[in-house]
């Protein structure tokens, strides 16, 4: 099965490329030559942002044509990559019904009683940790037995409407031991 983040990223790039025109290239990113006899001026504008904001949005301006060409290509690619990352981040959230229930640490999306959503990091499904050693005989603070969604940092049961989960992010590259 393909990772849903990859599929969402591919779809976002296809949508971002939907602005393209066979004659003008990426129609969302426009390149213009506003040069005069006295001064060279090459400008890169974001037409998609202009349509959204109702004003001119200049991404880059230079008098060097080679720099303009390089930055135009970079602006088009940057737009596609940004769309792909945003879509991949959103697709990383999966329905809670598909979450692992084997004490694997995950991130959760929880809606509280006020209807506000928030992310809880490092949660797992399992027993609530308790270290008194008495477990019900003399302890009045022992948690209920059974498995629950638990905040792995503080060891408390998570309350609220848990709607989605996602795997923990990969560690930084310099932390990965090979």
N, C-alpha and C. Protein backbone atom coordinates (compact mmCIF):
# COMPACT_ATOMS: atom_id res chain seq x y z
N UNK A 1 0.84 -1.18 0.00
CA UNK A 1 0.00 0.00 0.00
C UNK A 1 0.89 1.25 0.00
N UNK A 2 0.57 2.18 -0.85
CA UNK A 2 1.33 3.42 -0.92
C UNK A 2 0.99 4.30 0.27
N UNK A 3 1.99 4.96 0.80
CA UNK A 3 1.81 5.88 1.92
C UNK A 3 0.82 6.98 1.49
N UNK A 4 -0.24 7.23 2.26
CA UNK A 4 -1.22 8.24 1.87
C UNK A 4 -0.62 9.64 1.77
N UNK A 5 0.47 9.88 2.49
CA UNK A 5 1.12 11.19 2.39
C UNK A 5 1.71 11.40 1.00
N UNK A 6 2.26 10.34 0.44
CA UNK A 6 2.85 10.45 -0.90
C UNK A 6 1.75 10.70 -1.93
N UNK A 7 0.66 9.96 -1.81
CA UNK A 7 -0.45 10.14 -2.76
C UNK A 7 -1.03 11.55 -2.65
N UNK A 8 -1.18 12.05 -1.43
CA UNK A 8 -1.69 13.41 -1.26
C UNK A 8 -0.72 14.43 -1.84
N UNK A 9 0.57 14.20 -1.67
CA UNK A 9 1.57 15.11 -2.22
C UNK A 9 1.54 15.11 -3.74
N UNK A 10 1.41 13.93 -4.34
CA UNK A 10 1.33 13.84 -5.80
C UNK A 10 0.10 14.59 -6.30
N UNK A 11 -1.04 14.37 -5.65
CA UNK A 11 -2.27 15.07 -6.05
C UNK A 11 -2.11 16.59 -5.93
N UNK A 12 -1.43 17.04 -4.88
CA UNK A 12 -1.22 18.48 -4.69
C UNK A 12 -0.33 19.06 -5.78
N UNK A 13 0.69 18.33 -6.19
CA UNK A 13 1.56 18.81 -7.27
C UNK A 13 0.77 18.88 -8.58
N UNK A 14 -0.04 17.87 -8.83
CA UNK A 14 -0.86 17.89 -10.05
C UNK A 14 -1.79 19.10 -10.03
N UNK A 15 -2.40 19.36 -8.87
CA UNK A 15 -3.29 20.52 -8.76
C UNK A 15 -2.50 21.82 -8.94
N UNK A 16 -1.32 21.90 -8.34
CA UNK A 16 -0.49 23.10 -8.48
C UNK A 16 -0.10 23.32 -9.94
N UNK A 17 0.14 22.25 -10.65
CA UNK A 17 0.50 22.37 -12.06
C UNK A 17 -0.72 22.69 -12.93
N UNK A 18 -1.90 22.63 -12.36
CA UNK A 18 -3.11 22.95 -13.11
C UNK A 18 -3.14 24.39 -13.58
N UNK A 19 -2.34 25.24 -12.97
CA UNK A 19 -2.25 26.64 -13.39
C UNK A 19 -1.41 26.77 -14.65
N UNK A 20 -0.72 25.72 -15.01
CA UNK A 20 0.21 25.82 -16.14
C UNK A 20 -0.50 26.03 -17.46
N UNK A 21 0.16 26.71 -18.32
CA UNK A 21 -0.34 27.00 -19.65
C UNK A 21 0.71 26.50 -20.65
N UNK A 22 0.26 25.88 -21.73
CA UNK A 22 1.23 25.29 -22.66
C UNK A 22 2.13 26.34 -23.32
N UNK A 23 1.72 27.60 -23.35
CA UNK A 23 2.53 28.64 -23.98
C UNK A 23 3.31 29.47 -22.97
N UNK A 24 2.76 29.64 -21.77
CA UNK A 24 3.35 30.57 -20.81
C UNK A 24 4.01 29.88 -19.62
N UNK A 25 3.98 28.56 -19.56
CA UNK A 25 4.60 27.87 -18.42
C UNK A 25 3.66 27.86 -17.23
N UNK A 26 4.22 28.06 -16.05
CA UNK A 26 3.43 28.04 -14.82
C UNK A 26 2.66 29.34 -14.72
N UNK A 27 1.37 29.28 -14.98
CA UNK A 27 0.54 30.49 -14.97
C UNK A 27 0.36 31.09 -13.59
N UNK A 28 0.61 30.30 -12.53
CA UNK A 28 0.48 30.85 -11.18
C UNK A 28 1.68 31.72 -10.85
N UNK A 29 2.82 31.40 -11.43
CA UNK A 29 4.03 32.19 -11.24
C UNK A 29 4.32 32.88 -12.57
N UNK A 30 4.32 34.19 -12.57
CA UNK A 30 4.52 34.93 -13.82
C UNK A 30 5.84 35.65 -13.83
N UNK A 31 6.51 35.60 -14.97
CA UNK A 31 7.76 36.33 -15.14
C UNK A 31 7.54 37.50 -16.09
N UNK A 32 8.03 38.66 -15.70
CA UNK A 32 7.80 39.86 -16.50
C UNK A 32 9.08 40.65 -16.66
N UNK A 33 9.21 41.27 -17.82
CA UNK A 33 10.34 42.15 -18.10
C UNK A 33 9.80 43.58 -18.10
N UNK A 34 10.11 44.31 -17.04
CA UNK A 34 9.68 45.70 -16.91
C UNK A 34 10.85 46.64 -17.19
N UNK A 35 11.78 46.19 -18.01
CA UNK A 35 12.97 46.98 -18.30
C UNK A 35 12.63 48.22 -19.12
N UNK A 36 13.41 49.25 -18.89
CA UNK A 36 13.33 50.47 -19.71
C UNK A 36 14.69 50.66 -20.37
N UNK A 37 14.82 51.70 -21.15
CA UNK A 37 16.12 51.98 -21.79
C UNK A 37 17.20 52.25 -20.75
N UNK A 38 16.80 52.77 -19.61
CA UNK A 38 17.77 53.16 -18.58
C UNK A 38 18.04 52.08 -17.54
N UNK A 39 17.09 51.17 -17.37
CA UNK A 39 17.24 50.21 -16.28
C UNK A 39 16.62 48.86 -16.64
N UNK A 40 17.38 47.78 -16.36
CA UNK A 40 16.86 46.42 -16.53
C UNK A 40 16.06 46.07 -15.28
N UNK A 41 14.90 45.46 -15.48
CA UNK A 41 14.07 45.06 -14.33
C UNK A 41 13.26 43.83 -14.73
N UNK A 42 13.60 42.70 -14.09
CA UNK A 42 12.90 41.44 -14.31
C UNK A 42 12.18 41.08 -13.01
N UNK A 43 10.90 40.76 -13.11
CA UNK A 43 10.07 40.55 -11.93
C UNK A 43 9.36 39.21 -12.02
N UNK A 44 9.28 38.53 -10.87
CA UNK A 44 8.51 37.29 -10.77
C UNK A 44 7.33 37.58 -9.85
N UNK A 45 6.12 37.32 -10.37
CA UNK A 45 4.90 37.58 -9.61
C UNK A 45 4.16 36.28 -9.35
N UNK A 46 3.38 36.28 -8.27
CA UNK A 46 2.57 35.12 -7.89
C UNK A 46 1.11 35.43 -8.22
N UNK A 47 0.64 34.94 -9.38
CA UNK A 47 -0.73 35.22 -9.82
C UNK A 47 -1.77 34.54 -8.94
N UNK A 48 -1.44 33.38 -8.43
CA UNK A 48 -2.39 32.68 -7.56
C UNK A 48 -2.63 33.50 -6.29
N UNK A 49 -1.56 34.02 -5.69
CA UNK A 49 -1.70 34.87 -4.50
C UNK A 49 -2.40 36.18 -4.85
N UNK A 50 -2.13 36.71 -6.03
CA UNK A 50 -2.78 37.95 -6.46
C UNK A 50 -4.28 37.76 -6.59
N UNK A 51 -4.69 36.61 -7.14
CA UNK A 51 -6.12 36.33 -7.27
C UNK A 51 -6.77 36.20 -5.89
N UNK A 52 -6.04 35.62 -4.96
CA UNK A 52 -6.55 35.42 -3.61
C UNK A 52 -6.58 36.72 -2.81
N UNK A 53 -5.54 37.54 -2.95
CA UNK A 53 -5.39 38.74 -2.12
C UNK A 53 -5.87 40.02 -2.78
N UNK A 54 -6.07 39.98 -4.10
CA UNK A 54 -6.56 41.17 -4.79
C UNK A 54 -5.53 42.27 -4.94
N UNK A 55 -4.26 41.93 -4.93
CA UNK A 55 -3.20 42.93 -5.11
C UNK A 55 -1.99 42.26 -5.75
N UNK A 56 -1.08 43.05 -6.28
CA UNK A 56 0.14 42.53 -6.90
C UNK A 56 1.04 41.92 -5.84
N UNK A 57 1.53 40.71 -6.12
CA UNK A 57 2.44 40.02 -5.20
C UNK A 57 3.73 39.72 -5.96
N UNK A 58 4.78 40.45 -5.63
CA UNK A 58 6.09 40.27 -6.27
C UNK A 58 6.93 39.34 -5.40
N UNK A 59 7.38 38.24 -6.01
CA UNK A 59 8.21 37.27 -5.30
C UNK A 59 9.70 37.60 -5.41
N UNK A 60 10.09 38.15 -6.56
CA UNK A 60 11.51 38.37 -6.80
C UNK A 60 11.68 39.45 -7.85
N UNK A 61 12.75 40.22 -7.71
CA UNK A 61 13.02 41.29 -8.66
C UNK A 61 14.54 41.43 -8.80
N UNK A 62 15.01 41.55 -10.04
CA UNK A 62 16.44 41.66 -10.29
C UNK A 62 16.70 42.36 -11.61
N UNK A 63 17.94 42.80 -11.79
CA UNK A 63 18.33 43.36 -13.09
C UNK A 63 19.16 42.35 -13.89
N UNK A 64 19.42 41.19 -13.31
CA UNK A 64 20.24 40.14 -13.94
C UNK A 64 19.32 39.07 -14.54
N UNK A 65 19.34 38.94 -15.87
CA UNK A 65 18.43 38.02 -16.54
C UNK A 65 18.70 36.56 -16.16
N UNK A 66 19.96 36.16 -16.02
CA UNK A 66 20.27 34.78 -15.64
C UNK A 66 19.76 34.47 -14.24
N UNK A 67 19.92 35.41 -13.34
CA UNK A 67 19.41 35.23 -11.98
C UNK A 67 17.88 35.13 -12.01
N UNK A 68 17.26 35.95 -12.82
CA UNK A 68 15.80 35.92 -12.99
C UNK A 68 15.35 34.55 -13.50
N UNK A 69 16.02 34.00 -14.52
CA UNK A 69 15.67 32.69 -15.07
C UNK A 69 15.78 31.60 -14.00
N UNK A 70 16.88 31.62 -13.25
CA UNK A 70 17.10 30.63 -12.20
C UNK A 70 16.01 30.74 -11.13
N UNK A 71 15.73 31.95 -10.69
CA UNK A 71 14.75 32.14 -9.62
C UNK A 71 13.32 31.86 -10.09
N UNK A 72 13.05 32.06 -11.36
CA UNK A 72 11.72 31.73 -11.89
C UNK A 72 11.48 30.22 -11.77
N UNK A 73 12.47 29.43 -12.20
CA UNK A 73 12.34 27.97 -12.08
C UNK A 73 12.21 27.57 -10.62
N UNK A 74 13.01 28.17 -9.77
CA UNK A 74 12.95 27.85 -8.34
C UNK A 74 11.59 28.22 -7.74
N UNK A 75 11.01 29.34 -8.15
CA UNK A 75 9.71 29.75 -7.63
C UNK A 75 8.62 28.75 -8.02
N UNK A 76 8.68 28.26 -9.26
CA UNK A 76 7.70 27.27 -9.71
C UNK A 76 7.83 25.97 -8.92
N UNK A 77 9.06 25.52 -8.75
CA UNK A 77 9.30 24.28 -8.00
C UNK A 77 8.93 24.47 -6.53
N UNK A 78 9.29 25.60 -5.96
CA UNK A 78 8.98 25.89 -4.55
C UNK A 78 7.47 25.84 -4.31
N UNK A 79 6.71 26.37 -5.25
CA UNK A 79 5.25 26.36 -5.14
C UNK A 79 4.72 24.93 -5.12
N UNK A 80 5.23 24.09 -6.00
CA UNK A 80 4.79 22.70 -6.05
C UNK A 80 5.19 21.94 -4.79
N UNK A 81 6.41 22.15 -4.34
CA UNK A 81 6.88 21.44 -3.14
C UNK A 81 6.09 21.89 -1.91
N UNK A 82 5.81 23.18 -1.80
CA UNK A 82 5.02 23.68 -0.67
C UNK A 82 3.64 23.04 -0.65
N UNK A 83 3.02 22.96 -1.81
CA UNK A 83 1.70 22.32 -1.90
C UNK A 83 1.79 20.84 -1.52
N UNK A 84 2.86 20.18 -1.96
CA UNK A 84 3.03 18.76 -1.66
C UNK A 84 3.24 18.53 -0.16
N UNK A 85 4.06 19.35 0.47
CA UNK A 85 4.32 19.19 1.91
C UNK A 85 3.04 19.45 2.71
N UNK A 86 2.32 20.49 2.36
CA UNK A 86 1.07 20.80 3.07
C UNK A 86 0.07 19.65 2.95
N UNK A 87 -0.05 19.10 1.75
CA UNK A 87 -0.98 17.98 1.54
C UNK A 87 -0.50 16.73 2.28
N UNK A 88 0.80 16.48 2.26
CA UNK A 88 1.33 15.31 2.95
C UNK A 88 1.12 15.42 4.46
N UNK A 89 1.32 16.61 5.01
CA UNK A 89 1.09 16.81 6.44
C UNK A 89 -0.36 16.52 6.81
N UNK A 90 -1.28 17.01 5.99
CA UNK A 90 -2.71 16.78 6.26
C UNK A 90 -3.06 15.30 6.11
N UNK A 91 -2.45 14.63 5.14
CA UNK A 91 -2.77 13.21 4.90
C UNK A 91 -2.14 12.29 5.93
N UNK A 92 -1.17 12.80 6.69
CA UNK A 92 -0.54 11.96 7.71
C UNK A 92 -1.54 11.58 8.80
N UNK A 93 -2.57 12.40 8.99
CA UNK A 93 -3.59 12.10 9.99
C UNK A 93 -4.52 11.01 9.45
N UNK A 94 -4.67 9.96 10.24
CA UNK A 94 -5.47 8.81 9.83
C UNK A 94 -6.61 8.61 10.84
N UNK A 95 -7.70 8.01 10.41
CA UNK A 95 -8.82 7.78 11.34
C UNK A 95 -8.37 6.96 12.55
N UNK A 96 -8.87 7.31 13.71
CA UNK A 96 -8.43 6.67 14.96
C UNK A 96 -8.71 5.17 14.95
N UNK A 97 -9.70 4.75 14.19
CA UNK A 97 -10.02 3.31 14.14
C UNK A 97 -8.86 2.48 13.60
N UNK A 98 -7.98 3.12 12.84
CA UNK A 98 -6.85 2.38 12.25
C UNK A 98 -5.58 2.46 13.09
N UNK A 99 -5.66 3.09 14.26
CA UNK A 99 -4.47 3.29 15.09
C UNK A 99 -3.98 1.97 15.69
N UNK A 100 -2.67 1.84 15.86
CA UNK A 100 -2.15 0.63 16.50
C UNK A 100 -2.56 0.59 17.98
N UNK A 101 -2.83 -0.58 18.45
CA UNK A 101 -3.25 -0.74 19.85
C UNK A 101 -2.29 -1.67 20.59
N UNK A 102 -1.02 -1.54 20.25
CA UNK A 102 0.01 -2.41 20.81
C UNK A 102 1.06 -1.63 21.59
N UNK A 103 0.67 -0.50 22.16
CA UNK A 103 1.55 0.39 22.93
C UNK A 103 2.57 1.11 22.06
N UNK A 104 2.32 1.17 20.78
CA UNK A 104 3.16 1.96 19.87
C UNK A 104 2.87 3.43 20.12
N UNK A 105 3.90 4.22 20.24
CA UNK A 105 3.71 5.66 20.45
C UNK A 105 3.30 6.33 19.14
N UNK A 106 2.27 7.18 19.24
CA UNK A 106 1.74 7.91 18.09
C UNK A 106 1.36 9.32 18.55
N UNK A 107 1.03 10.17 17.61
CA UNK A 107 0.45 11.48 17.92
C UNK A 107 -1.06 11.37 17.69
N UNK A 108 -1.83 12.04 18.55
CA UNK A 108 -3.29 12.00 18.46
C UNK A 108 -3.86 13.38 18.21
N UNK A 109 -5.02 13.42 17.55
CA UNK A 109 -5.80 14.65 17.42
C UNK A 109 -7.03 14.47 18.28
N UNK A 110 -7.21 15.37 19.25
CA UNK A 110 -8.28 15.24 20.24
C UNK A 110 -9.11 16.52 20.25
N UNK A 111 -10.43 16.35 20.24
CA UNK A 111 -11.36 17.47 20.35
C UNK A 111 -11.83 17.53 21.80
N UNK A 112 -11.61 18.67 22.46
CA UNK A 112 -12.01 18.78 23.86
C UNK A 112 -13.49 19.14 23.99
N UNK A 113 -13.96 19.30 25.21
CA UNK A 113 -15.39 19.56 25.45
C UNK A 113 -15.84 20.91 24.91
N UNK A 114 -14.89 21.82 24.66
CA UNK A 114 -15.23 23.12 24.06
C UNK A 114 -15.22 23.07 22.54
N UNK A 115 -14.94 21.90 21.97
CA UNK A 115 -14.90 21.75 20.53
C UNK A 115 -13.59 22.16 19.90
N UNK A 116 -12.57 22.40 20.71
CA UNK A 116 -11.26 22.80 20.20
C UNK A 116 -10.40 21.57 19.98
N UNK A 117 -9.75 21.52 18.83
CA UNK A 117 -8.86 20.40 18.53
C UNK A 117 -7.43 20.72 18.91
N UNK A 118 -6.72 19.68 19.34
CA UNK A 118 -5.30 19.86 19.62
C UNK A 118 -4.58 18.54 19.43
N UNK A 119 -3.30 18.67 19.21
CA UNK A 119 -2.44 17.52 19.00
C UNK A 119 -1.83 17.11 20.33
N UNK A 120 -1.87 15.82 20.60
CA UNK A 120 -1.19 15.27 21.77
C UNK A 120 -0.10 14.35 21.24
N UNK A 121 1.12 14.66 21.60
CA UNK A 121 2.26 13.89 21.10
C UNK A 121 2.59 12.73 22.04
N UNK A 122 3.20 11.72 21.49
CA UNK A 122 3.72 10.59 22.26
C UNK A 122 2.66 9.91 23.11
N UNK A 123 1.55 9.55 22.49
CA UNK A 123 0.49 8.83 23.19
C UNK A 123 0.56 7.35 22.79
N UNK A 124 -0.06 6.52 23.60
CA UNK A 124 -0.14 5.09 23.26
C UNK A 124 -1.44 4.52 23.82
N UNK A 125 -1.83 3.37 23.30
CA UNK A 125 -3.00 2.67 23.80
C UNK A 125 -2.52 1.53 24.67
N UNK A 126 -2.88 1.58 25.94
CA UNK A 126 -2.44 0.55 26.87
C UNK A 126 -2.85 0.91 28.28
N UNK A 127 -2.29 0.22 29.26
CA UNK A 127 -2.65 0.52 30.65
C UNK A 127 -2.05 1.84 31.11
N UNK A 128 -2.73 2.46 32.05
CA UNK A 128 -2.22 3.70 32.64
C UNK A 128 -1.13 3.31 33.64
N UNK A 129 0.05 3.90 33.55
CA UNK A 129 1.12 3.52 34.47
C UNK A 129 0.81 3.97 35.90
N UNK A 130 1.16 3.11 36.83
CA UNK A 130 0.96 3.44 38.25
C UNK A 130 2.03 2.70 39.04
N UNK A 131 2.67 3.38 39.94
CA UNK A 131 3.84 2.78 40.59
C UNK A 131 3.71 2.61 42.10
N UNK A 132 2.49 2.66 42.64
CA UNK A 132 2.39 2.55 44.10
C UNK A 132 2.67 1.13 44.57
N UNK A 133 2.47 0.14 43.71
CA UNK A 133 2.75 -1.24 44.08
C UNK A 133 1.61 -1.92 44.81
N UNK A 134 0.59 -1.19 45.21
CA UNK A 134 -0.50 -1.78 45.99
C UNK A 134 -1.69 -2.18 45.11
N UNK A 135 -1.84 -1.58 44.02
CA UNK A 135 -2.90 -1.79 43.04
C UNK A 135 -4.23 -2.22 43.63
N UNK A 136 -4.87 -1.27 44.30
CA UNK A 136 -6.24 -1.47 44.74
C UNK A 136 -6.39 -1.92 46.18
N UNK A 137 -5.35 -2.48 46.78
CA UNK A 137 -5.50 -2.97 48.14
C UNK A 137 -5.60 -1.82 49.14
N UNK A 138 -4.63 -0.91 49.10
CA UNK A 138 -4.62 0.20 50.06
C UNK A 138 -4.55 1.56 49.36
N UNK A 139 -4.43 1.55 48.07
CA UNK A 139 -4.22 2.78 47.31
C UNK A 139 -5.56 3.34 46.85
N UNK A 140 -5.77 4.63 47.10
CA UNK A 140 -7.02 5.24 46.63
C UNK A 140 -6.82 6.02 45.33
N UNK A 141 -5.62 5.94 44.75
CA UNK A 141 -5.38 6.67 43.50
C UNK A 141 -5.05 5.73 42.34
N UNK A 142 -5.26 4.45 42.52
CA UNK A 142 -4.97 3.51 41.43
C UNK A 142 -5.92 3.76 40.27
N UNK A 143 -5.40 3.78 39.05
CA UNK A 143 -6.27 3.99 37.89
C UNK A 143 -7.09 2.73 37.60
N UNK A 144 -8.12 2.92 36.80
CA UNK A 144 -8.90 1.77 36.37
C UNK A 144 -8.00 0.81 35.61
N UNK A 145 -8.30 -0.47 35.76
CA UNK A 145 -7.55 -1.46 35.00
C UNK A 145 -8.09 -1.51 33.58
N UNK A 146 -7.25 -1.89 32.66
CA UNK A 146 -7.65 -1.97 31.26
C UNK A 146 -6.77 -1.09 30.41
N UNK A 147 -7.11 -1.04 29.14
CA UNK A 147 -6.33 -0.24 28.20
C UNK A 147 -7.09 1.02 27.83
N UNK A 148 -6.35 2.11 27.73
CA UNK A 148 -6.90 3.43 27.41
C UNK A 148 -5.89 4.15 26.53
N UNK A 149 -6.32 5.26 25.94
CA UNK A 149 -5.35 6.14 25.29
C UNK A 149 -4.67 6.93 26.40
N UNK A 150 -3.34 6.83 26.43
CA UNK A 150 -2.56 7.40 27.52
C UNK A 150 -1.56 8.41 26.97
N UNK A 151 -1.44 9.54 27.66
CA UNK A 151 -0.42 10.53 27.35
C UNK A 151 0.91 9.92 27.81
N UNK A 152 1.76 9.57 26.86
CA UNK A 152 3.00 8.89 27.18
C UNK A 152 4.01 9.74 27.92
N UNK A 153 3.82 11.03 27.94
CA UNK A 153 4.75 11.91 28.65
C UNK A 153 4.35 12.02 30.12
N UNK A 154 3.05 12.25 30.37
CA UNK A 154 2.58 12.46 31.74
C UNK A 154 1.92 11.23 32.36
N UNK A 155 1.60 10.23 31.55
CA UNK A 155 1.03 9.00 32.08
C UNK A 155 -0.43 9.10 32.48
N UNK A 156 -1.15 10.07 31.94
CA UNK A 156 -2.57 10.25 32.26
C UNK A 156 -3.43 9.74 31.11
N UNK A 157 -4.64 9.31 31.47
CA UNK A 157 -5.59 8.93 30.43
C UNK A 157 -5.98 10.18 29.65
N UNK A 158 -6.14 10.02 28.34
CA UNK A 158 -6.51 11.14 27.48
C UNK A 158 -8.03 11.16 27.36
N UNK A 159 -8.61 12.30 27.69
CA UNK A 159 -10.06 12.48 27.59
C UNK A 159 -10.38 13.37 26.41
N UNK A 160 -11.55 13.24 25.89
CA UNK A 160 -11.99 14.03 24.74
C UNK A 160 -12.34 13.10 23.60
N UNK A 161 -12.71 13.69 22.49
CA UNK A 161 -13.07 12.93 21.30
C UNK A 161 -11.81 12.75 20.46
N UNK A 162 -11.22 11.57 20.55
CA UNK A 162 -9.99 11.28 19.81
C UNK A 162 -10.41 10.86 18.40
N UNK A 163 -10.06 11.68 17.42
CA UNK A 163 -10.56 11.45 16.06
C UNK A 163 -9.52 10.90 15.10
N UNK A 164 -8.26 11.28 15.28
CA UNK A 164 -7.22 10.88 14.32
C UNK A 164 -5.91 10.59 15.02
N UNK A 165 -5.05 9.90 14.31
CA UNK A 165 -3.70 9.61 14.79
C UNK A 165 -2.73 9.72 13.63
N UNK A 166 -1.46 9.85 13.95
CA UNK A 166 -0.42 9.76 12.93
C UNK A 166 0.84 9.18 13.56
N UNK A 167 1.66 8.52 12.75
CA UNK A 167 2.91 7.99 13.29
C UNK A 167 3.80 9.13 13.78
N UNK A 168 4.70 8.80 14.68
CA UNK A 168 5.66 9.81 15.12
C UNK A 168 6.56 10.19 13.94
N UNK A 169 7.01 11.43 13.90
CA UNK A 169 7.90 11.82 12.81
C UNK A 169 9.25 11.11 12.93
N UNK A 170 9.94 11.03 11.82
CA UNK A 170 11.28 10.45 11.83
C UNK A 170 12.21 11.35 12.64
N UNK A 171 13.23 10.79 13.26
CA UNK A 171 14.18 11.63 14.00
C UNK A 171 15.03 12.45 13.04
N UNK A 172 15.68 13.49 13.55
CA UNK A 172 16.57 14.27 12.68
C UNK A 172 17.64 13.37 12.06
N UNK A 173 18.06 13.71 10.86
CA UNK A 173 19.03 12.87 10.14
C UNK A 173 20.30 12.64 10.94
N UNK A 174 20.78 13.66 11.64
CA UNK A 174 22.04 13.48 12.38
C UNK A 174 21.87 12.63 13.64
N UNK A 175 20.63 12.27 13.99
CA UNK A 175 20.37 11.42 15.14
C UNK A 175 20.21 9.95 14.76
N UNK A 176 20.10 9.67 13.47
CA UNK A 176 19.89 8.30 13.01
C UNK A 176 21.24 7.59 12.97
N UNK A 177 21.32 6.49 13.69
CA UNK A 177 22.57 5.71 13.71
C UNK A 177 22.46 4.61 12.67
N UNK A 178 23.49 4.49 11.89
CA UNK A 178 23.47 3.48 10.82
C UNK A 178 24.33 2.29 11.18
